Amino acid sequence: MRRRTFVGAVGGSAIAGVAGCLTRDDDNAGGGDGTLRIATYETMVNGTNPAGTWLKEAFEAEHSDAELEWIVPNDGLNQYITREQQNADYDVDIYFGLNVDDLVRIDDNLETGSLLRELDIDRLDNAGRIRDELDMGDPHGRALTYDTGYICLVYDETIVSEPETLDDLTAPAYEDELLAQNAQQSDPGRAFLLWTIDANSEDGYIDYWRKLETNGARILADWSESYSGAYMEGERSIVVSYSTDQVYANEYDYDMSRHQVAFPNDQGYANPEGMGIFEGATDVDLAYDFLDFALSSEAQAEIAQRNVQFPAVAEEHVDLDEEFDRYAHRPPETVAFSYDELQGNLGGWVESWGREFAGQ
């Protein structure tokens, strides 16, 4: 199950995991050596049955002269933002695992619309199959969605009743029960924060979090620490997680009573993942081939089921296992801030939250 963390701040310090600081050759858009280098997050390529292993084998089977090389940068996308600031070489063609927040962070730290190239959608046969609601809204057209998750609450129905609203979490019935993640370090943590901003406005969300804090909400670093650690060890009865949780629970034969999915306010926060081609890609043609391949019906099914996320393409274009369809839940209504709404606001919202709550 893909549960990525991220580092929110980009600084000018040395780059972890990358040796040297080579000056980039401005003319780097020529033909490549047949190796497609794709940066991604660790769980895409490591763990039980990762999607990256299947994608590499299947793509290479279709492109006999190509080799796909996965790269897991120590500092995620920030590594490439920093190298771009330093005009340094980074020898990678695609970033696989972007979200809207990442695009905003690029433009907050670099020239607007840079780092990733504007995509020529006419070169992609499968791009038109992406669900309209999963458009990443980038005004510079740099990314396409390949899957999506919905942030929700997972709870133990033997201990607490289903929270029907976000305000319920501040009530005595849920005292010392909620586990959340640090919005400065974690995708689901940041998504949950944005959900509370949508529900309470940018003027009221800090007060809402003060109520959560008073009611004993516990904030841990990331999803693994809060879910795989504290929640699975029975320390608390509610955790911020994903609406596909029961797919994961069913696969490992966990007690489903502890894996109930709640959509407070009848909502879940949409968190689509996207892919884009770096401006300095050395084999642009092969990069486009991979993006189109990732949106093919077979690849979409494998990505969804191995990542335990929903496919990006419309349902008629992908066949999922019966058990996935049974246990993967969609919220009645989705919440998501657009690129335009986040630009100029995201950093301030997260910093304001972090000053008061991240030290728990």
Protein backbone atom coordinates (compact mmCIF):
# COMPACT_ATOMS: atom_id res chain seq x y z
CA MET A 1 0.00 0.00 0.00
CA ARG A 2 1.54 3.26 -1.10
CA ARG A 3 1.97 5.60 1.85
CA ARG A 4 4.53 8.21 0.86
CA THR A 5 6.07 10.88 3.06
CA PHE A 6 7.54 14.11 1.80
CA VAL A 7 9.75 16.94 2.94
CA GLY A 8 7.98 20.26 2.72
CA ALA A 9 10.83 22.77 2.76
CA VAL A 10 13.42 23.23 0.05
CA GLY A 11 16.72 24.73 1.07
CA GLY A 12 20.10 25.42 -0.45
CA SER A 13 22.02 22.78 1.52
CA ALA A 14 23.87 19.78 0.10
CA ILE A 15 21.69 17.26 -1.71
CA ALA A 16 21.25 13.92 0.06
CA GLY A 17 21.98 10.86 -1.99
CA VAL A 18 23.46 12.64 -5.01
CA ALA A 19 27.21 12.92 -5.45
CA GLY A 20 28.75 16.05 -6.88
CA CYS A 21 27.18 19.14 -8.35
CA LEU A 22 27.64 18.93 -12.09
CA THR A 23 26.78 21.89 -14.27
CA ARG A 24 23.98 21.02 -16.66
CA ASP A 25 24.54 21.00 -20.39
CA ASP A 26 21.80 23.23 -21.79
CA ASP A 27 21.52 21.04 -24.89
CA ASN A 28 20.35 17.83 -23.21
CA ALA A 29 17.18 17.05 -25.12
CA GLY A 30 18.73 14.76 -27.70
CA GLY A 31 18.35 11.00 -28.09
CA GLY A 32 18.98 8.77 -25.09
CA ASP A 33 20.91 5.54 -24.58
CA GLY A 34 17.81 3.33 -24.40
CA THR A 35 17.61 3.60 -20.61
CA LEU A 36 14.54 5.35 -19.22
CA ARG A 37 15.25 6.73 -15.75
CA ILE A 38 12.17 7.28 -13.58
CA ALA A 39 12.22 8.86 -10.12
CA THR A 40 9.55 7.69 -7.70
CA TYR A 41 8.85 6.91 -4.02
CA GLU A 42 10.15 3.84 -2.25
CA THR A 43 6.99 1.76 -1.94
CA MET A 44 6.50 1.93 -5.70
CA VAL A 45 9.53 -0.33 -6.11
CA ASN A 46 10.09 -2.02 -2.74
CA GLY A 47 7.92 -4.19 -0.49
CA THR A 48 5.44 -6.94 -1.25
CA ASN A 49 4.35 -7.07 -4.90
CA PRO A 50 5.17 -3.43 -5.79
CA ALA A 51 3.71 -1.88 -8.92
CA GLY A 52 7.14 -0.75 -10.08
CA THR A 53 8.41 -4.29 -10.58
CA TRP A 54 5.49 -5.18 -12.82
CA LEU A 55 5.73 -1.89 -14.74
CA LYS A 56 9.43 -2.43 -15.47
CA GLU A 57 8.97 -5.99 -16.70
CA ALA A 58 5.89 -5.26 -18.79
CA PHE A 59 7.27 -2.06 -20.34
CA GLU A 60 10.56 -3.71 -21.27
CA ALA A 61 8.64 -6.62 -22.80
CA GLU A 62 6.87 -4.13 -25.10
CA HIS A 63 10.05 -2.15 -25.81
CA SER A 64 12.76 -4.74 -26.36
CA ASP A 65 15.49 -2.14 -26.92
CA ALA A 66 14.69 -0.20 -23.74
CA GLU A 67 15.67 -0.57 -20.11
CA LEU A 68 13.64 1.01 -17.31
CA GLU A 69 15.62 2.13 -14.27
CA TRP A 70 13.78 3.19 -11.12
CA ILE A 71 15.41 5.88 -8.97
CA VAL A 72 14.30 6.62 -5.39
CA PRO A 73 15.71 10.05 -4.45
CA ASN A 74 16.44 10.50 -0.75
CA ASP A 75 14.66 13.84 -0.66
CA GLY A 76 11.90 13.10 -3.14
CA LEU A 77 11.00 15.84 -5.58
CA ASN A 78 12.85 18.38 -3.45
CA GLN A 79 16.09 16.82 -4.65
CA TYR A 80 15.36 17.94 -8.22
CA ILE A 81 14.04 21.33 -7.21
CA THR A 82 17.30 21.99 -5.38
CA ARG A 83 19.44 20.76 -8.26
CA GLU A 84 17.47 22.97 -10.64
CA GLN A 85 18.19 25.93 -8.37
CA GLN A 86 21.89 25.06 -8.60
CA ASN A 87 21.76 24.51 -12.37
CA ALA A 88 23.05 20.99 -11.65
CA ASP A 89 22.60 17.81 -13.66
CA TYR A 90 20.16 15.16 -12.37
CA ASP A 91 20.03 12.59 -15.23
CA VAL A 92 16.39 11.50 -14.89
CA ASP A 93 13.57 11.49 -17.42
CA ILE A 94 10.28 11.11 -15.54
CA TYR A 95 8.90 11.83 -12.08
CA PHE A 96 6.27 9.24 -11.13
CA GLY A 97 4.34 10.21 -7.99
CA LEU A 98 3.50 13.91 -8.26
CA ASN A 99 0.49 15.52 -6.71
CA VAL A 100 -1.00 18.99 -7.06
CA ASP A 101 0.90 20.17 -3.97
CA ASP A 102 4.18 19.18 -5.61
CA LEU A 103 3.42 21.28 -8.67
CA VAL A 104 2.68 24.25 -6.43
CA ARG A 105 5.94 23.67 -4.53
CA ILE A 106 7.91 23.63 -7.80
CA ASP A 107 6.46 26.98 -8.79
CA ASP A 108 6.99 28.46 -5.32
CA ASN A 109 10.69 27.67 -5.53
CA LEU A 110 11.54 27.89 -9.24
CA GLU A 111 10.45 29.83 -12.29
CA THR A 112 6.73 29.24 -12.75
CA GLY A 113 6.00 26.35 -15.08
CA SER A 114 9.53 24.95 -14.97
CA LEU A 115 11.33 21.68 -14.05
CA LEU A 116 8.80 19.51 -15.92
CA ARG A 117 7.90 20.07 -19.56
CA GLU A 118 4.43 20.91 -20.83
CA LEU A 119 3.01 17.66 -22.15
CA ASP A 120 1.85 17.23 -25.74
CA ILE A 121 -1.36 15.31 -25.10
CA ASP A 122 -1.70 14.48 -28.80
CA ARG A 123 1.25 12.11 -28.38
CA LEU A 124 -0.68 10.00 -25.85
CA ASP A 125 -3.41 7.69 -27.13
CA ASN A 126 -4.67 6.89 -23.61
CA ALA A 127 -4.71 10.36 -22.04
CA GLY A 128 -8.34 10.98 -23.01
CA ARG A 129 -9.45 8.08 -20.81
CA ILE A 130 -8.47 9.81 -17.55
CA ARG A 131 -11.51 10.73 -15.48
CA ASP A 132 -12.30 14.43 -15.78
CA GLU A 133 -12.42 14.97 -12.02
CA LEU A 134 -8.81 13.78 -11.74
CA ASP A 135 -7.35 16.53 -13.92
CA MET A 136 -4.47 17.95 -11.89
CA GLY A 137 -5.37 21.48 -12.91
CA ASP A 138 -1.82 22.58 -13.66
CA PRO A 139 -2.03 25.72 -15.84
CA HIS A 140 1.26 24.63 -17.44
CA GLY A 141 0.05 21.12 -18.35
CA ARG A 142 3.00 19.27 -16.82
CA ALA A 143 1.37 16.22 -15.22
CA LEU A 144 -1.16 13.46 -15.86
CA THR A 145 -2.87 11.41 -13.16
CA TYR A 146 -2.18 7.67 -13.04
CA ASP A 147 -4.08 6.74 -9.82
CA THR A 148 -5.87 8.34 -6.90
CA GLY A 149 -6.62 7.77 -3.24
CA TYR A 150 -9.23 9.27 -0.94
CA ILE A 151 -8.31 10.30 2.59
CA CYS A 152 -10.86 9.24 5.18
CA LEU A 153 -11.03 7.87 8.73
CA VAL A 154 -10.54 4.22 9.62
CA TYR A 155 -12.03 3.18 12.96
CA ASP A 156 -12.69 0.26 15.29
CA GLU A 157 -16.45 -0.19 15.51
CA THR A 158 -16.13 -2.27 18.71
CA ILE A 159 -14.79 0.81 20.55
CA VAL A 160 -16.31 3.91 18.93
CA SER A 161 -19.24 4.70 16.70
CA GLU A 162 -18.74 6.09 13.23
CA PRO A 163 -17.88 9.82 13.34
CA GLU A 164 -20.47 11.44 11.12
CA THR A 165 -18.81 14.87 10.93
CA LEU A 166 -15.35 16.31 11.42
CA ASP A 167 -16.74 18.24 14.40
CA ASP A 168 -17.59 14.91 16.04
CA LEU A 169 -13.87 14.32 16.49
CA THR A 170 -13.77 17.18 19.01
CA ALA A 171 -16.52 15.61 21.16
CA PRO A 172 -15.98 13.68 24.44
CA ALA A 173 -16.95 10.39 22.78
CA TYR A 174 -13.71 10.58 20.76
CA GLU A 175 -11.40 11.84 23.49
CA ASP A 176 -7.89 10.33 23.19
CA GLU A 177 -8.95 8.24 20.17
CA LEU A 178 -7.70 10.01 17.01
CA LEU A 179 -4.34 9.41 15.32
CA ALA A 180 -3.30 11.84 12.59
CA GLN A 181 -0.06 12.54 10.70
CA ASN A 182 2.30 15.49 10.53
CA ALA A 183 1.12 17.71 7.67
CA GLN A 184 4.71 18.88 7.15
CA GLN A 185 5.96 15.36 6.44
CA SER A 186 3.10 13.16 5.29
CA ASP A 187 0.76 13.03 2.29
CA PRO A 188 -2.32 11.86 4.23
CA GLY A 189 -1.46 14.25 7.06
CA ARG A 190 -1.34 17.20 4.68
CA ALA A 191 -4.50 16.08 2.89
CA PHE A 192 -6.36 15.82 6.21
CA LEU A 193 -5.18 19.30 7.14
CA LEU A 194 -6.46 20.67 3.82
CA TRP A 195 -9.78 18.91 4.39
CA THR A 196 -10.13 20.66 7.76
CA ILE A 197 -9.29 23.99 6.10
CA ASP A 198 -12.03 23.39 3.54
CA ALA A 199 -14.49 22.59 6.34
CA ASN A 200 -13.51 25.42 8.70
CA SER A 201 -12.01 28.10 6.38
CA GLU A 202 -8.47 29.44 6.51
CA ASP A 203 -9.55 31.67 9.39
CA GLY A 204 -11.03 28.84 11.45
CA TYR A 205 -8.89 25.74 10.93
CA ILE A 206 -6.34 26.56 13.65
CA ASP A 207 -9.16 26.87 16.19
CA TYR A 208 -10.51 23.52 15.00
CA TRP A 209 -7.12 21.89 15.53
CA ARG A 210 -6.89 23.41 18.99
CA LYS A 211 -10.14 21.62 19.79
CA LEU A 212 -8.71 18.38 18.40
CA GLU A 213 -5.60 18.89 20.55
CA THR A 214 -7.69 19.56 23.65
CA ASN A 215 -9.62 16.37 22.92
CA GLY A 216 -6.40 14.37 22.90
CA ALA A 217 -5.72 13.91 19.18
CA ARG A 218 -2.22 12.49 18.68
CA ILE A 219 -0.06 13.54 15.73
CA LEU A 220 2.69 11.17 14.60
CA ALA A 221 5.29 11.64 11.88
CA ASP A 222 3.76 9.73 9.00
CA TRP A 223 1.27 7.07 7.92
CA SER A 224 3.52 4.13 8.76
CA GLU A 225 4.09 5.32 12.32
CA SER A 226 0.44 6.17 12.93
CA TYR A 227 -1.25 3.28 11.09
CA SER A 228 1.19 0.37 10.91
CA GLY A 229 2.51 1.30 14.33
CA ALA A 230 0.15 2.90 16.83
CA TYR A 231 -3.19 1.97 15.27
CA MET A 232 -2.37 -1.64 14.40
CA GLU A 233 -0.92 -2.08 17.89
CA GLY A 234 -4.28 -1.07 19.34
CA GLU A 235 -3.18 2.20 20.95
CA ARG A 236 -6.15 4.14 19.56
CA SER A 237 -9.41 3.48 17.76
CA ILE A 238 -9.43 6.06 14.89
CA VAL A 239 -6.73 6.90 12.35
CA VAL A 240 -6.50 9.15 9.30
CA SER A 241 -5.96 6.75 6.40
CA TYR A 242 -7.26 5.75 2.97
CA SER A 243 -10.67 4.58 1.79
CA THR A 244 -9.12 1.47 0.24
CA ASP A 245 -8.11 0.25 3.70
CA GLN A 246 -10.44 -2.75 3.62
CA VAL A 247 -8.72 -4.06 0.47
CA TYR A 248 -5.52 -4.20 2.49
CA ALA A 249 -7.29 -5.66 5.55
CA ASN A 250 -9.00 -8.34 3.47
CA GLU A 251 -5.74 -9.36 1.80
CA TYR A 252 -4.12 -10.03 5.18
CA ASP A 253 -7.27 -11.45 6.79
CA TYR A 254 -7.44 -8.78 9.49
CA ASP A 255 -10.49 -8.39 11.73
CA MET A 256 -12.72 -6.16 9.60
CA SER A 257 -14.40 -4.66 12.68
CA ARG A 258 -11.18 -2.69 13.21
CA HIS A 259 -11.07 -1.59 9.59
CA GLN A 260 -14.31 0.29 9.15
CA VAL A 261 -14.22 3.26 6.76
CA ALA A 262 -15.82 6.56 7.75
CA PHE A 263 -16.53 9.55 5.51
CA PRO A 264 -17.31 12.38 7.95
CA ASN A 265 -19.49 15.06 6.37
CA ASP A 266 -20.06 12.39 3.66
CA GLN A 267 -16.70 13.43 2.21
CA GLY A 268 -13.18 12.22 1.51
CA TYR A 269 -10.18 14.22 0.37
CA ALA A 270 -9.02 13.30 -3.13
CA ASN A 271 -5.27 12.85 -3.53
CA PRO A 272 -4.47 11.99 -7.19
CA GLU A 273 -0.94 10.94 -8.13
CA GLY A 274 0.55 12.10 -11.39
CA MET A 275 3.52 11.69 -13.70
CA GLY A 276 5.51 14.18 -15.74
CA ILE A 277 8.57 14.44 -17.99
CA PHE A 278 11.55 16.51 -16.86
CA GLU A 279 12.60 19.41 -19.06
CA GLY A 280 16.05 17.84 -19.30
CA ALA A 281 14.87 14.33 -20.25
CA THR A 282 17.36 12.63 -22.56
CA ASP A 283 14.85 10.36 -24.34
CA VAL A 284 11.59 12.24 -24.66
CA ASP A 285 10.07 9.77 -27.13
CA LEU A 286 10.60 6.84 -24.75
CA ALA A 287 9.27 8.93 -21.86
CA TYR A 288 6.04 9.56 -23.76
CA ASP A 289 5.82 5.84 -24.52
CA PHE A 290 5.96 5.09 -20.80
CA LEU A 291 3.32 7.67 -19.87
CA ASP A 292 0.96 6.19 -22.44
CA PHE A 293 1.78 2.67 -21.27
CA ALA A 294 1.00 3.61 -17.64
CA LEU A 295 -2.51 4.64 -18.76
CA SER A 296 -3.17 1.40 -20.65
CA SER A 297 -5.91 -0.86 -19.31
CA GLU A 298 -3.59 -3.59 -18.06
CA ALA A 299 -1.16 -1.18 -16.40
CA GLN A 300 -4.00 0.74 -14.76
CA ALA A 301 -5.36 -2.45 -13.18
CA GLU A 302 -1.94 -3.48 -11.90
CA ILE A 303 -1.09 -0.03 -10.52
CA ALA A 304 -4.45 0.22 -8.73
CA GLN A 305 -4.35 -3.22 -7.16
CA ARG A 306 -0.67 -3.19 -6.21
CA ASN A 307 -0.77 0.39 -4.88
CA VAL A 308 -4.21 -0.20 -3.32
CA GLN A 309 -5.49 2.98 -4.97
CA PHE A 310 -8.15 3.72 -7.57
CA PRO A 311 -7.23 3.78 -11.27
CA ALA A 312 -7.13 7.11 -13.08
CA VAL A 313 -9.03 5.96 -16.15
CA ALA A 314 -12.79 5.55 -16.38
CA GLU A 315 -14.23 2.26 -15.13
CA GLU A 316 -15.14 0.94 -18.59
CA HIS A 317 -11.44 0.92 -19.50
CA VAL A 318 -10.12 -1.23 -16.65
CA ASP A 319 -11.01 -4.60 -15.08
CA LEU A 320 -10.31 -4.91 -11.37
CA ASP A 321 -10.52 -7.96 -9.15
CA GLU A 322 -13.94 -8.58 -7.63
CA GLU A 323 -12.52 -8.25 -4.11
CA PHE A 324 -10.99 -4.86 -4.95
CA ASP A 325 -14.36 -3.61 -6.15
CA ARG A 326 -16.01 -4.98 -3.01
CA TYR A 327 -13.64 -3.48 -0.44
CA ALA A 328 -12.46 -0.23 -2.06
CA HIS A 329 -14.84 2.56 -1.02
CA ARG A 330 -15.41 5.88 -2.74
CA PRO A 331 -16.68 8.86 -0.71
CA PRO A 332 -20.12 10.23 -1.57
CA GLU A 333 -18.48 13.61 -2.18
CA THR A 334 -14.84 14.48 -2.80
CA VAL A 335 -12.97 17.49 -1.49
CA ALA A 336 -9.79 18.83 -3.08
CA PHE A 337 -8.08 22.19 -3.40
CA SER A 338 -7.09 23.15 -6.93
CA TYR A 339 -3.66 24.34 -8.05
CA ASP A 340 -4.95 27.93 -8.16
CA GLU A 341 -6.33 27.69 -4.62
CA LEU A 342 -3.10 26.23 -3.23
CA GLN A 343 -0.65 28.51 -4.99
CA GLY A 344 0.46 31.23 -2.60
CA ASN A 345 -1.46 29.64 0.28
CA LEU A 346 -0.24 26.09 0.86
CA GLY A 347 3.12 26.95 2.43
CA GLY A 348 1.59 29.46 4.83
CA TRP A 349 -1.20 27.12 5.89
CA VAL A 350 1.19 24.27 6.64
CA GLU A 351 3.70 26.54 8.41
CA SER A 352 1.00 28.06 10.61
CA TRP A 353 -0.25 24.60 11.53
CA GLY A 354 3.27 23.31 12.13
CA ARG A 355 4.25 26.11 14.53
CA GLU A 356 1.45 25.12 16.87
CA PHE A 357 0.87 21.40 16.42
CA ALA A 358 3.82 19.62 14.77
CA GLY A 359 5.78 19.34 18.01
CA GLN A 360 3.35 16.94 19.68
